[in-house]
Amino acid sequence: MDKRKLIPGHSYHHRRKESIDGRELEAERWIRFEKSVAGGAWFSRYFEAPIYLTDQQIREELSE
């Protein structure tokens, strides 16, 4: 997804791959866009700590 198309307050589907104990797993969740900063953007999800994604992660891992 293009970072310039993100809308503050809008939720986006975040899909990423994680390697845990040598197993490749895929995690999915909905995260809410908060604000754009140089090199990335900040997102939130319920009561979790703020989530920072780099520009590359946004392009590869986010969808509507």
PDB file of N, CA and C in Angstrom:
ATOM      1  N   MET A   1       0.839  -1.170   0.000  1.00  0.00           N
ATOM      2  CA  MET A   1       0.000   0.000   0.000  1.00  0.00           C
ATOM      3  C   MET A   1       0.887   1.238   0.000  1.00  0.00           C
ATOM      4  N   ASP A   2       0.456   2.258  -0.665  1.00  0.00           N
ATOM      5  CA  ASP A   2       1.187   3.514  -0.742  1.00  0.00           C
ATOM      6  C   ASP A   2       0.917   4.337   0.525  1.00  0.00           C
ATOM      7  N   LYS A   3       1.963   4.743   1.201  1.00  0.00           N
ATOM      8  CA  LYS A   3       1.834   5.499   2.455  1.00  0.00           C
ATOM      9  C   LYS A   3       1.038   6.790   2.272  1.00  0.00           C
ATOM     10  N   ARG A   4       1.145   7.407   1.102  1.00  0.00           N
ATOM     11  CA  ARG A   4       0.432   8.669   0.871  1.00  0.00           C
ATOM     12  C   ARG A   4      -1.080   8.492   0.813  1.00  0.00           C
ATOM     13  N   LYS A   5      -1.544   7.273   0.643  1.00  0.00           N
ATOM     14  CA  LYS A   5      -2.982   7.005   0.559  1.00  0.00           C
ATOM     15  C   LYS A   5      -3.610   6.688   1.917  1.00  0.00           C
ATOM     16  N   LEU A   6      -2.807   6.608   2.968  1.00  0.00           N
ATOM     17  CA  LEU A   6      -3.330   6.295   4.296  1.00  0.00           C
ATOM     18  C   LEU A   6      -4.182   7.443   4.820  1.00  0.00           C
ATOM     19  N   ILE A   7      -5.287   7.093   5.471  1.00  0.00           N
ATOM     20  CA  ILE A   7      -6.217   8.075   6.016  1.00  0.00           C
ATOM     21  C   ILE A   7      -6.191   7.967   7.543  1.00  0.00           C
ATOM     22  N   PRO A   8      -5.914   9.077   8.261  1.00  0.00           N
ATOM     23  CA  PRO A   8      -5.900   9.021   9.732  1.00  0.00           C
ATOM     24  C   PRO A   8      -7.238   8.511  10.285  1.00  0.00           C
ATOM     25  N   GLY A   9      -7.153   7.603  11.243  1.00  0.00           N
ATOM     26  CA  GLY A   9      -8.342   7.032  11.868  1.00  0.00           C
ATOM     27  C   GLY A   9      -8.901   5.818  11.133  1.00  0.00           C
ATOM     28  N   HIS A  10      -8.419   5.525   9.941  1.00  0.00           N
ATOM     29  CA  HIS A  10      -8.890   4.394   9.150  1.00  0.00           C
ATOM     30  C   HIS A  10      -8.117   3.129   9.547  1.00  0.00           C
ATOM     31  N   SER A  11      -8.797   1.986   9.559  1.00  0.00           N
ATOM     32  CA  SER A  11      -8.146   0.720   9.898  1.00  0.00           C
ATOM     33  C   SER A  11      -7.672   0.001   8.644  1.00  0.00           C
ATOM     34  N   TYR A  12      -6.515  -0.643   8.762  1.00  0.00           N
ATOM     35  CA  TYR A  12      -5.919  -1.362   7.650  1.00  0.00           C
ATOM     36  C   TYR A  12      -5.540  -2.769   8.088  1.00  0.00           C
ATOM     37  N   HIS A  13      -5.606  -3.688   7.145  1.00  0.00           N
ATOM     38  CA  HIS A  13      -5.275  -5.077   7.414  1.00  0.00           C
ATOM     39  C   HIS A  13      -3.757  -5.234   7.349  1.00  0.00           C
ATOM     40  N   HIS A  14      -3.168  -5.709   8.434  1.00  0.00           N
ATOM     41  CA  HIS A  14      -1.717  -5.876   8.529  1.00  0.00           C
ATOM     42  C   HIS A  14      -1.413  -7.366   8.508  1.00  0.00           C
ATOM     43  N   ARG A  15      -0.711  -7.810   7.483  1.00  0.00           N
ATOM     44  CA  ARG A  15      -0.326  -9.209   7.340  1.00  0.00           C
ATOM     45  C   ARG A  15       1.191  -9.277   7.284  1.00  0.00           C
ATOM     46  N   ARG A  16       1.775 -10.091   8.170  1.00  0.00           N
ATOM     47  CA  ARG A  16       3.230 -10.205   8.200  1.00  0.00           C
ATOM     48  C   ARG A  16       3.625 -11.640   8.467  1.00  0.00           C
ATOM     49  N   LYS A  17       4.854 -11.965   8.120  1.00  0.00           N
ATOM     50  CA  LYS A  17       5.391 -13.303   8.365  1.00  0.00           C
ATOM     51  C   LYS A  17       6.400 -13.226   9.499  1.00  0.00           C
ATOM     52  N   GLU A  18       6.339 -14.209  10.379  1.00  0.00           N
ATOM     53  CA  GLU A  18       7.243 -14.302  11.523  1.00  0.00           C
ATOM     54  C   GLU A  18       7.867 -15.686  11.539  1.00  0.00           C
ATOM     55  N   SER A  19       9.102 -15.751  11.957  1.00  0.00           N
ATOM     56  CA  SER A  19       9.765 -17.029  12.131  1.00  0.00           C
ATOM     57  C   SER A  19       9.903 -17.283  13.634  1.00  0.00           C
ATOM     58  N   ILE A  20       9.221 -18.337  14.110  1.00  0.00           N
ATOM     59  CA  ILE A  20       9.247 -18.680  15.531  1.00  0.00           C
ATOM     60  C   ILE A  20       9.694 -20.133  15.655  1.00  0.00           C
ATOM     61  N   ASP A  21      10.788 -20.340  16.358  1.00  0.00           N
ATOM     62  CA  ASP A  21      11.362 -21.683  16.537  1.00  0.00           C
ATOM     63  C   ASP A  21      11.574 -22.385  15.201  1.00  0.00           C
ATOM     64  N   GLY A  22      12.015 -21.641  14.199  1.00  0.00           N
ATOM     65  CA  GLY A  22      12.303 -22.226  12.896  1.00  0.00           C
ATOM     66  C   GLY A  22      11.083 -22.463  12.025  1.00  0.00           C
ATOM     67  N   ARG A  23       9.909 -22.151  12.529  1.00  0.00           N
ATOM     68  CA  ARG A  23       8.675 -22.306  11.747  1.00  0.00           C
ATOM     69  C   ARG A  23       8.261 -20.956  11.195  1.00  0.00           C
ATOM     70  N   GLU A  24       7.880 -20.921   9.930  1.00  0.00           N
ATOM     71  CA  GLU A  24       7.424 -19.689   9.290  1.00  0.00           C
ATOM     72  C   GLU A  24       5.910 -19.572   9.506  1.00  0.00           C
ATOM     73  N   LEU A  25       5.495 -18.550  10.238  1.00  0.00           N
ATOM     74  CA  LEU A  25       4.082 -18.335  10.541  1.00  0.00           C
ATOM     75  C   LEU A  25       3.624 -17.010   9.954  1.00  0.00           C
ATOM     76  N   GLU A  26       2.332 -16.918   9.664  1.00  0.00           N
ATOM     77  CA  GLU A  26       1.770 -15.670   9.153  1.00  0.00           C
ATOM     78  C   GLU A  26       0.789 -15.115  10.180  1.00  0.00           C
ATOM     79  N   ALA A  27       0.969 -13.851  10.532  1.00  0.00           N
ATOM     80  CA  ALA A  27       0.100 -13.187  11.500  1.00  0.00           C
ATOM     81  C   ALA A  27      -0.723 -12.125  10.779  1.00  0.00           C
ATOM     82  N   GLU A  28      -1.978 -11.974  11.190  1.00  0.00           N
ATOM     83  CA  GLU A  28      -2.872 -10.968  10.610  1.00  0.00           C
ATOM     84  C   GLU A  28      -3.564 -10.211  11.725  1.00  0.00           C
ATOM     85  N   ARG A  29      -3.798  -8.919  11.494  1.00  0.00           N
ATOM     86  CA  ARG A  29      -4.546  -8.107  12.448  1.00  0.00           C
ATOM     87  C   ARG A  29      -4.976  -6.815  11.770  1.00  0.00           C
ATOM     88  N   TRP A  30      -5.936  -6.136  12.365  1.00  0.00           N
ATOM     89  CA  TRP A  30      -6.378  -4.826  11.892  1.00  0.00           C
ATOM     90  C   TRP A  30      -5.723  -3.782  12.783  1.00  0.00           C
ATOM     91  N   ILE A  31      -5.091  -2.786  12.158  1.00  0.00           N
ATOM     92  CA  ILE A  31      -4.461  -1.708  12.914  1.00  0.00           C
ATOM     93  C   ILE A  31      -4.963  -0.372  12.375  1.00  0.00           C
ATOM     94  N   ARG A  32      -5.023   0.617  13.251  1.00  0.00           N
ATOM     95  CA  ARG A  32      -5.554   1.934  12.892  1.00  0.00           C
ATOM     96  C   ARG A  32      -4.416   2.916  12.662  1.00  0.00           C
ATOM     97  N   PHE A  33      -4.476   3.607  11.523  1.00  0.00           N
ATOM     98  CA  PHE A  33      -3.453   4.594  11.180  1.00  0.00           C
ATOM     99  C   PHE A  33      -3.620   5.828  12.047  1.00  0.00           C
ATOM    100  N   GLU A  34      -2.515   6.264  12.684  1.00  0.00           N
ATOM    101  CA  GLU A  34      -2.531   7.447  13.533  1.00  0.00           C
ATOM    102  C   GLU A  34      -1.858   8.642  12.859  1.00  0.00           C
ATOM    103  N   LYS A  35      -0.566   8.490  12.497  1.00  0.00           N
ATOM    104  CA  LYS A  35       0.113   9.619  11.846  1.00  0.00           C
ATOM    105  C   LYS A  35       1.327   9.155  11.060  1.00  0.00           C
ATOM    106  N   SER A  36       1.632   9.921  10.038  1.00  0.00           N
ATOM    107  CA  SER A  36       2.764   9.647   9.165  1.00  0.00           C
ATOM    108  C   SER A  36       3.973  10.441   9.649  1.00  0.00           C
ATOM    109  N   VAL A  37       5.131   9.809   9.612  1.00  0.00           N
ATOM    110  CA  VAL A  37       6.391  10.471   9.973  1.00  0.00           C
ATOM    111  C   VAL A  37       7.427  10.121   8.915  1.00  0.00           C
ATOM    112  N   ALA A  38       8.538  10.819   8.929  1.00  0.00           N
ATOM    113  CA  ALA A  38       9.604  10.541   7.962  1.00  0.00           C
ATOM    114  C   ALA A  38      10.067   9.095   8.122  1.00  0.00           C
ATOM    115  N   GLY A  39      10.032   8.348   7.054  1.00  0.00           N
ATOM    116  CA  GLY A  39      10.520   6.977   7.073  1.00  0.00           C
ATOM    117  C   GLY A  39       9.511   5.938   7.489  1.00  0.00           C
ATOM    118  N   GLY A  40       8.289   6.336   7.847  1.00  0.00           N
ATOM    119  CA  GLY A  40       7.295   5.352   8.272  1.00  0.00           C
ATOM    120  C   GLY A  40       6.015   5.991   8.762  1.00  0.00           C
ATOM    121  N   ALA A  41       5.318   5.271   9.639  1.00  0.00           N
ATOM    122  CA  ALA A  41       4.058   5.767  10.190  1.00  0.00           C
ATOM    123  C   ALA A  41       3.749   5.039  11.501  1.00  0.00           C
ATOM    124  N   TRP A  42       2.908   5.672  12.310  1.00  0.00           N
ATOM    125  CA  TRP A  42       2.483   5.106  13.590  1.00  0.00           C
ATOM    126  C   TRP A  42       1.056   4.608  13.473  1.00  0.00           C
ATOM    127  N   PHE A  43       0.816   3.444  14.083  1.00  0.00           N
ATOM    128  CA  PHE A  43      -0.493   2.811  14.090  1.00  0.00           C
ATOM    129  C   PHE A  43      -0.846   2.442  15.523  1.00  0.00           C
ATOM    130  N   SER A  44      -2.131   2.139  15.761  1.00  0.00           N
ATOM    131  CA  SER A  44      -2.554   1.702  17.093  1.00  0.00           C
ATOM    132  C   SER A  44      -3.496   0.512  16.945  1.00  0.00           C
ATOM    133  N   ARG A  45      -3.629  -0.207  18.068  1.00  0.00           N
ATOM    134  CA  ARG A  45      -4.529  -1.358  18.100  1.00  0.00           C
ATOM    135  C   ARG A  45      -4.993  -1.547  19.537  1.00  0.00           C
ATOM    136  N   TYR A  46      -6.239  -1.215  19.783  1.00  0.00           N
ATOM    137  CA  TYR A  46      -6.855  -1.362  21.096  1.00  0.00           C
ATOM    138  C   TYR A  46      -5.948  -0.848  22.210  1.00  0.00           C
ATOM    139  N   PHE A  47      -5.588  -1.703  23.158  1.00  0.00           N
ATOM    140  CA  PHE A  47      -4.816  -1.267  24.310  1.00  0.00           C
ATOM    141  C   PHE A  47      -3.329  -1.623  24.201  1.00  0.00           C
ATOM    142  N   GLU A  48      -2.871  -1.971  22.997  1.00  0.00           N
ATOM    143  CA  GLU A  48      -1.467  -2.308  22.785  1.00  0.00           C
ATOM    144  C   GLU A  48      -0.625  -1.039  22.692  1.00  0.00           C
ATOM    145  N   ALA A  49       0.672  -1.196  22.855  1.00  0.00           N
ATOM    146  CA  ALA A  49       1.595  -0.074  22.672  1.00  0.00           C
ATOM    147  C   ALA A  49       1.531   0.376  21.209  1.00  0.00           C
ATOM    148  N   PRO A  50       1.834   1.655  20.929  1.00  0.00           N
ATOM    149  CA  PRO A  50       1.834   2.133  19.539  1.00  0.00           C
ATOM    150  C   PRO A  50       2.746   1.276  18.657  1.00  0.00           C
ATOM    151  N   ILE A  51       2.336   1.114  17.404  1.00  0.00           N
ATOM    152  CA  ILE A  51       3.046   0.255  16.454  1.00  0.00           C
ATOM    153  C   ILE A  51       3.667   1.129  15.380  1.00  0.00           C
ATOM    154  N   TYR A  52       4.980   1.001  15.173  1.00  0.00           N
ATOM    155  CA  TYR A  52       5.676   1.750  14.123  1.00  0.00           C
ATOM    156  C   TYR A  52       5.991   0.816  12.971  1.00  0.00           C
ATOM    157  N   LEU A  53       5.621   1.224  11.757  1.00  0.00           N
ATOM    158  CA  LEU A  53       5.968   0.476  10.555  1.00  0.00           C
ATOM    159  C   LEU A  53       6.787   1.373   9.641  1.00  0.00           C
ATOM    160  N   THR A  54       7.830   0.820   9.056  1.00  0.00           N
ATOM    161  CA  THR A  54       8.647   1.574   8.109  1.00  0.00           C
ATOM    162  C   THR A  54       7.899   1.682   6.782  1.00  0.00           C
ATOM    163  N   ASP A  55       8.385   2.563   5.902  1.00  0.00           N
ATOM    164  CA  ASP A  55       7.771   2.710   4.579  1.00  0.00           C
ATOM    165  C   ASP A  55       7.739   1.376   3.840  1.00  0.00           C
ATOM    166  N   GLN A  56       8.815   0.610   3.925  1.00  0.00           N
ATOM    167  CA  GLN A  56       8.878  -0.680   3.240  1.00  0.00           C
ATOM    168  C   GLN A  56       7.847  -1.655   3.808  1.00  0.00           C
ATOM    169  N   GLN A  57       7.708  -1.701   5.124  1.00  0.00           N
ATOM    170  CA  GLN A  57       6.718  -2.572   5.740  1.00  0.00           C
ATOM    171  C   GLN A  57       5.307  -2.169   5.324  1.00  0.00           C
ATOM    172  N   ILE A  58       5.042  -0.877   5.237  1.00  0.00           N
ATOM    173  CA  ILE A  58       3.729  -0.396   4.806  1.00  0.00           C
ATOM    174  C   ILE A  58       3.425  -0.887   3.397  1.00  0.00           C
ATOM    175  N   ARG A  59       4.393  -0.770   2.492  1.00  0.00           N
ATOM    176  CA  ARG A  59       4.191  -1.220   1.102  1.00  0.00           C
ATOM    177  C   ARG A  59       3.938  -2.725   1.030  1.00  0.00           C
ATOM    178  N   GLU A  60       4.657  -3.500   1.818  1.00  0.00           N
ATOM    179  CA  GLU A  60       4.599  -4.954   1.722  1.00  0.00           C
ATOM    180  C   GLU A  60       3.510  -5.614   2.576  1.00  0.00           C
ATOM    181  N   GLU A  61       3.158  -5.024   3.711  1.00  0.00           N
ATOM    182  CA  GLU A  61       2.328  -5.719   4.681  1.00  0.00           C
ATOM    183  C   GLU A  61       0.916  -5.173   4.867  1.00  0.00           C
ATOM    184  N   LEU A  62       0.618  -3.969   4.384  1.00  0.00           N
ATOM    185  CA  LEU A  62      -0.706  -3.378   4.600  1.00  0.00           C
ATOM    186  C   LEU A  62      -1.614  -3.511   3.391  1.00  0.00           C
ATOM    187  N   SER A  63      -2.913  -3.679   3.664  1.00  0.00           N
ATOM    188  CA  SER A  63      -3.935  -3.636   2.628  1.00  0.00           C
ATOM    189  C   SER A  63      -5.220  -3.114   3.275  1.00  0.00           C
ATOM    190  N   GLU A  64      -6.176  -2.732   2.448  1.00  0.00           N
ATOM    191  CA  GLU A  64      -7.442  -2.212   2.984  1.00  0.00           C
ATOM    192  C   GLU A  64      -8.408  -3.318   3.268  1.00  0.00           C
TER     193      GLU A  64
END
